[in-house]
Amino acid sequence: MPSSFGEAGGTVSLWDEPAGKALQMPAEQVRLVPAADGRVRCTFSYESLPKGD
């Protein structure tokens, strides 16, 4: 399940934590829905992203 979301220029970037890589797709193909429980926090950490050269 992707754990980070961003949009720019009509393209959505999702960080797929289990796969350890980014997934990109047209924004028109993405649907965001509210979480069932708003008290649950995302466990994503930017520290887990690969570092650039």
PDB file of N, CA and C in Angstrom:
ATOM      1  N   MET A   1       0.848  -1.170   0.000  1.00  0.00           N
ATOM      2  CA  MET A   1       0.000   0.000   0.000  1.00  0.00           C
ATOM      3  C   MET A   1       0.890   1.229   0.000  1.00  0.00           C
ATOM      4  N   PRO A   2       0.703   2.145  -0.953  1.00  0.00           N
ATOM      5  CA  PRO A   2       1.509   3.367  -0.973  1.00  0.00           C
ATOM      6  C   PRO A   2       1.356   4.159   0.312  1.00  0.00           C
ATOM      7  N   SER A   3       2.452   4.796   0.716  1.00  0.00           N
ATOM      8  CA  SER A   3       2.390   5.510   1.984  1.00  0.00           C
ATOM      9  C   SER A   3       2.723   6.989   1.874  1.00  0.00           C
ATOM     10  N   SER A   4       2.994   7.478   0.690  1.00  0.00           N
ATOM     11  CA  SER A   4       3.225   8.900   0.493  1.00  0.00           C
ATOM     12  C   SER A   4       2.645   9.279  -0.857  1.00  0.00           C
ATOM     13  N   PHE A   5       2.150  10.532  -0.962  1.00  0.00           N
ATOM     14  CA  PHE A   5       1.426  10.952  -2.149  1.00  0.00           C
ATOM     15  C   PHE A   5       1.832  12.356  -2.527  1.00  0.00           C
ATOM     16  N   GLY A   6       2.055  12.602  -3.822  1.00  0.00           N
ATOM     17  CA  GLY A   6       2.342  13.945  -4.307  1.00  0.00           C
ATOM     18  C   GLY A   6       1.883  14.084  -5.745  1.00  0.00           C
ATOM     19  N   GLU A   7       1.514  15.301  -6.151  1.00  0.00           N
ATOM     20  CA  GLU A   7       1.038  15.545  -7.516  1.00  0.00           C
ATOM     21  C   GLU A   7       1.734  16.763  -8.091  1.00  0.00           C
ATOM     22  N   ALA A   8       2.141  16.661  -9.345  1.00  0.00           N
ATOM     23  CA  ALA A   8       2.738  17.786 -10.062  1.00  0.00           C
ATOM     24  C   ALA A   8       2.513  17.586 -11.550  1.00  0.00           C
ATOM     25  N   GLY A   9       2.015  18.606 -12.202  1.00  0.00           N
ATOM     26  CA  GLY A   9       1.842  18.561 -13.650  1.00  0.00           C
ATOM     27  C   GLY A   9       0.934  17.448 -14.136  1.00  0.00           C
ATOM     28  N   GLY A  10      -0.036  17.050 -13.316  1.00  0.00           N
ATOM     29  CA  GLY A  10      -0.969  16.013 -13.739  1.00  0.00           C
ATOM     30  C   GLY A  10      -0.483  14.600 -13.507  1.00  0.00           C
ATOM     31  N   THR A  11       0.690  14.450 -12.904  1.00  0.00           N
ATOM     32  CA  THR A  11       1.232  13.134 -12.581  1.00  0.00           C
ATOM     33  C   THR A  11       1.298  12.962 -11.080  1.00  0.00           C
ATOM     34  N   VAL A  12       0.849  11.823 -10.609  1.00  0.00           N
ATOM     35  CA  VAL A  12       0.871  11.505  -9.181  1.00  0.00           C
ATOM     36  C   VAL A  12       2.053  10.587  -8.903  1.00  0.00           C
ATOM     37  N   SER A  13       2.781  10.886  -7.840  1.00  0.00           N
ATOM     38  CA  SER A  13       3.866  10.024  -7.381  1.00  0.00           C
ATOM     39  C   SER A  13       3.472   9.426  -6.046  1.00  0.00           C
ATOM     40  N   LEU A  14       3.523   8.124  -5.967  1.00  0.00           N
ATOM     41  CA  LEU A  14       3.184   7.397  -4.745  1.00  0.00           C
ATOM     42  C   LEU A  14       4.427   6.627  -4.302  1.00  0.00           C
ATOM     43  N   TRP A  15       4.735   6.686  -3.021  1.00  0.00           N
ATOM     44  CA  TRP A  15       5.857   5.910  -2.505  1.00  0.00           C
ATOM     45  C   TRP A  15       5.310   4.586  -2.001  1.00  0.00           C
ATOM     46  N   ASP A  16       5.761   3.502  -2.615  1.00  0.00           N
ATOM     47  CA  ASP A  16       5.327   2.164  -2.237  1.00  0.00           C
ATOM     48  C   ASP A  16       6.332   1.611  -1.241  1.00  0.00           C
ATOM     49  N   GLU A  17       6.022   1.731   0.040  1.00  0.00           N
ATOM     50  CA  GLU A  17       6.936   1.333   1.118  1.00  0.00           C
ATOM     51  C   GLU A  17       7.365  -0.131   1.016  1.00  0.00           C
ATOM     52  N   PRO A  18       6.440  -1.080   0.855  1.00  0.00           N
ATOM     53  CA  PRO A  18       6.873  -2.476   0.788  1.00  0.00           C
ATOM     54  C   PRO A  18       7.813  -2.767  -0.384  1.00  0.00           C
ATOM     55  N   ALA A  19       7.565  -2.129  -1.531  1.00  0.00           N
ATOM     56  CA  ALA A  19       8.412  -2.353  -2.705  1.00  0.00           C
ATOM     57  C   ALA A  19       9.681  -1.516  -2.654  1.00  0.00           C
ATOM     58  N   GLY A  20       9.671  -0.449  -1.845  1.00  0.00           N
ATOM     59  CA  GLY A  20      10.836   0.415  -1.734  1.00  0.00           C
ATOM     60  C   GLY A  20      11.105   1.238  -2.978  1.00  0.00           C
ATOM     61  N   LYS A  21      10.046   1.607  -3.704  1.00  0.00           N
ATOM     62  CA  LYS A  21      10.232   2.405  -4.912  1.00  0.00           C
ATOM     63  C   LYS A  21       9.013   3.272  -5.178  1.00  0.00           C
ATOM     64  N   ALA A  22       9.197   4.256  -6.045  1.00  0.00           N
ATOM     65  CA  ALA A  22       8.115   5.167  -6.403  1.00  0.00           C
ATOM     66  C   ALA A  22       7.293   4.590  -7.546  1.00  0.00           C
ATOM     67  N   LEU A  23       6.022   4.925  -7.521  1.00  0.00           N
ATOM     68  CA  LEU A  23       5.092   4.544  -8.574  1.00  0.00           C
ATOM     69  C   LEU A  23       4.488   5.836  -9.093  1.00  0.00           C
ATOM     70  N   GLN A  24       4.478   6.025 -10.422  1.00  0.00           N
ATOM     71  CA  GLN A  24       3.897   7.237 -10.990  1.00  0.00           C
ATOM     72  C   GLN A  24       2.773   6.873 -11.939  1.00  0.00           C
ATOM     73  N   MET A  25       1.716   7.696 -11.933  1.00  0.00           N
ATOM     74  CA  MET A  25       0.574   7.472 -12.817  1.00  0.00           C
ATOM     75  C   MET A  25      -0.150   8.794 -13.034  1.00  0.00           C
ATOM     76  N   PRO A  26      -0.982   8.880 -14.085  1.00  0.00           N
ATOM     77  CA  PRO A  26      -1.751  10.100 -14.312  1.00  0.00           C
ATOM     78  C   PRO A  26      -2.678  10.377 -13.129  1.00  0.00           C
ATOM     79  N   ALA A  27      -2.752  11.641 -12.712  1.00  0.00           N
ATOM     80  CA  ALA A  27      -3.570  12.022 -11.567  1.00  0.00           C
ATOM     81  C   ALA A  27      -5.037  11.663 -11.768  1.00  0.00           C
ATOM     82  N   GLU A  28      -5.507  11.685 -12.998  1.00  0.00           N
ATOM     83  CA  GLU A  28      -6.914  11.381 -13.267  1.00  0.00           C
ATOM     84  C   GLU A  28      -7.263   9.920 -12.948  1.00  0.00           C
ATOM     85  N   GLN A  29      -6.257   9.074 -12.757  1.00  0.00           N
ATOM     86  CA  GLN A  29      -6.505   7.669 -12.441  1.00  0.00           C
ATOM     87  C   GLN A  29      -6.454   7.389 -10.939  1.00  0.00           C
ATOM     88  N   VAL A  30      -6.270   8.428 -10.118  1.00  0.00           N
ATOM     89  CA  VAL A  30      -6.135   8.243  -8.675  1.00  0.00           C
ATOM     90  C   VAL A  30      -7.372   8.785  -7.966  1.00  0.00           C
ATOM     91  N   ARG A  31      -7.848   8.038  -7.011  1.00  0.00           N
ATOM     92  CA  ARG A  31      -8.995   8.467  -6.203  1.00  0.00           C
ATOM     93  C   ARG A  31      -8.603   8.390  -4.732  1.00  0.00           C
ATOM     94  N   LEU A  32      -8.715   9.505  -4.037  1.00  0.00           N
ATOM     95  CA  LEU A  32      -8.428   9.541  -2.609  1.00  0.00           C
ATOM     96  C   LEU A  32      -9.743   9.461  -1.847  1.00  0.00           C
ATOM     97  N   VAL A  33      -9.764   8.641  -0.832  1.00  0.00           N
ATOM     98  CA  VAL A  33     -10.954   8.519   0.011  1.00  0.00           C
ATOM     99  C   VAL A  33     -10.531   8.694   1.464  1.00  0.00           C
ATOM    100  N   PRO A  34     -11.424   9.191   2.314  1.00  0.00           N
ATOM    101  CA  PRO A  34     -11.077   9.378   3.722  1.00  0.00           C
ATOM    102  C   PRO A  34     -10.764   8.045   4.413  1.00  0.00           C
ATOM    103  N   ALA A  35      -9.886   8.109   5.375  1.00  0.00           N
ATOM    104  CA  ALA A  35      -9.585   6.935   6.185  1.00  0.00           C
ATOM    105  C   ALA A  35     -10.790   6.588   7.044  1.00  0.00           C
ATOM    106  N   ALA A  36     -10.943   5.315   7.348  1.00  0.00           N
ATOM    107  CA  ALA A  36     -12.057   4.878   8.185  1.00  0.00           C
ATOM    108  C   ALA A  36     -11.950   5.461   9.591  1.00  0.00           C
ATOM    109  N   ASP A  37     -10.716   5.653  10.063  1.00  0.00           N
ATOM    110  CA  ASP A  37     -10.493   6.174  11.407  1.00  0.00           C
ATOM    111  C   ASP A  37      -9.451   7.281  11.325  1.00  0.00           C
ATOM    112  N   GLY A  38      -9.870   8.522  11.480  1.00  0.00           N
ATOM    113  CA  GLY A  38      -8.967   9.655  11.355  1.00  0.00           C
ATOM    114  C   GLY A  38      -7.920   9.750  12.447  1.00  0.00           C
ATOM    115  N   ARG A  39      -8.020   8.917  13.471  1.00  0.00           N
ATOM    116  CA  ARG A  39      -7.027   8.936  14.551  1.00  0.00           C
ATOM    117  C   ARG A  39      -5.793   8.104  14.223  1.00  0.00           C
ATOM    118  N   VAL A  40      -5.854   7.291  13.159  1.00  0.00           N
ATOM    119  CA  VAL A  40      -4.721   6.454  12.772  1.00  0.00           C
ATOM    120  C   VAL A  40      -3.713   7.315  12.040  1.00  0.00           C
ATOM    121  N   ARG A  41      -2.455   7.258  12.479  1.00  0.00           N
ATOM    122  CA  ARG A  41      -1.406   8.071  11.871  1.00  0.00           C
ATOM    123  C   ARG A  41      -0.635   7.267  10.835  1.00  0.00           C
ATOM    124  N   CYS A  42      -0.178   7.950   9.811  1.00  0.00           N
ATOM    125  CA  CYS A  42       0.666   7.346   8.790  1.00  0.00           C
ATOM    126  C   CYS A  42       2.025   7.019   9.404  1.00  0.00           C
ATOM    127  N   THR A  43       2.577   5.873   9.058  1.00  0.00           N
ATOM    128  CA  THR A  43       3.871   5.460   9.605  1.00  0.00           C
ATOM    129  C   THR A  43       5.026   5.793   8.670  1.00  0.00           C
ATOM    130  N   PHE A  44       4.737   6.471   7.549  1.00  0.00           N
ATOM    131  CA  PHE A  44       5.785   6.803   6.581  1.00  0.00           C
ATOM    132  C   PHE A  44       6.828   7.738   7.186  1.00  0.00           C
ATOM    133  N   SER A  45       8.076   7.497   6.832  1.00  0.00           N
ATOM    134  CA  SER A  45       9.172   8.369   7.261  1.00  0.00           C
ATOM    135  C   SER A  45      10.046   8.668   6.046  1.00  0.00           C
ATOM    136  N   TYR A  46      10.304   9.945   5.804  1.00  0.00           N
ATOM    137  CA  TYR A  46      11.182  10.319   4.692  1.00  0.00           C
ATOM    138  C   TYR A  46      12.588   9.769   4.887  1.00  0.00           C
ATOM    139  N   GLU A  47      12.968   9.446   6.096  1.00  0.00           N
ATOM    140  CA  GLU A  47      14.278   8.859   6.348  1.00  0.00           C
ATOM    141  C   GLU A  47      14.420   7.492   5.694  1.00  0.00           C
ATOM    142  N   SER A  48      13.297   6.853   5.351  1.00  0.00           N
ATOM    143  CA  SER A  48      13.349   5.529   4.734  1.00  0.00           C
ATOM    144  C   SER A  48      13.612   5.601   3.222  1.00  0.00           C
ATOM    145  N   LEU A  49      13.539   6.799   2.640  1.00  0.00           N
ATOM    146  CA  LEU A  49      13.774   6.941   1.191  1.00  0.00           C
ATOM    147  C   LEU A  49      15.240   6.760   0.859  1.00  0.00           C
ATOM    148  N   PRO A  50      15.533   6.178  -0.319  1.00  0.00           N
ATOM    149  CA  PRO A  50      16.934   6.056  -0.738  1.00  0.00           C
ATOM    150  C   PRO A  50      17.568   7.425  -0.909  1.00  0.00           C
ATOM    151  N   LYS A  51      18.797   7.542  -0.564  1.00  0.00           N
ATOM    152  CA  LYS A  51      19.532   8.810  -0.689  1.00  0.00           C
ATOM    153  C   LYS A  51      20.127   8.926  -2.086  1.00  0.00           C
ATOM    154  N   GLY A  52      20.076  10.148  -2.653  1.00  0.00           N
ATOM    155  CA  GLY A  52      20.664  10.396  -3.967  1.00  0.00           C
ATOM    156  C   GLY A  52      22.185  10.419  -3.893  1.00  0.00           C
ATOM    157  N   ASP A  53      22.793  10.310  -5.044  1.00  0.00           N
ATOM    158  CA  ASP A  53      24.275  10.317  -5.105  1.00  0.00           C
ATOM    159  C   ASP A  53      24.830  11.684  -4.879  1.00  0.00           C
TER     160      ASP A  53
END
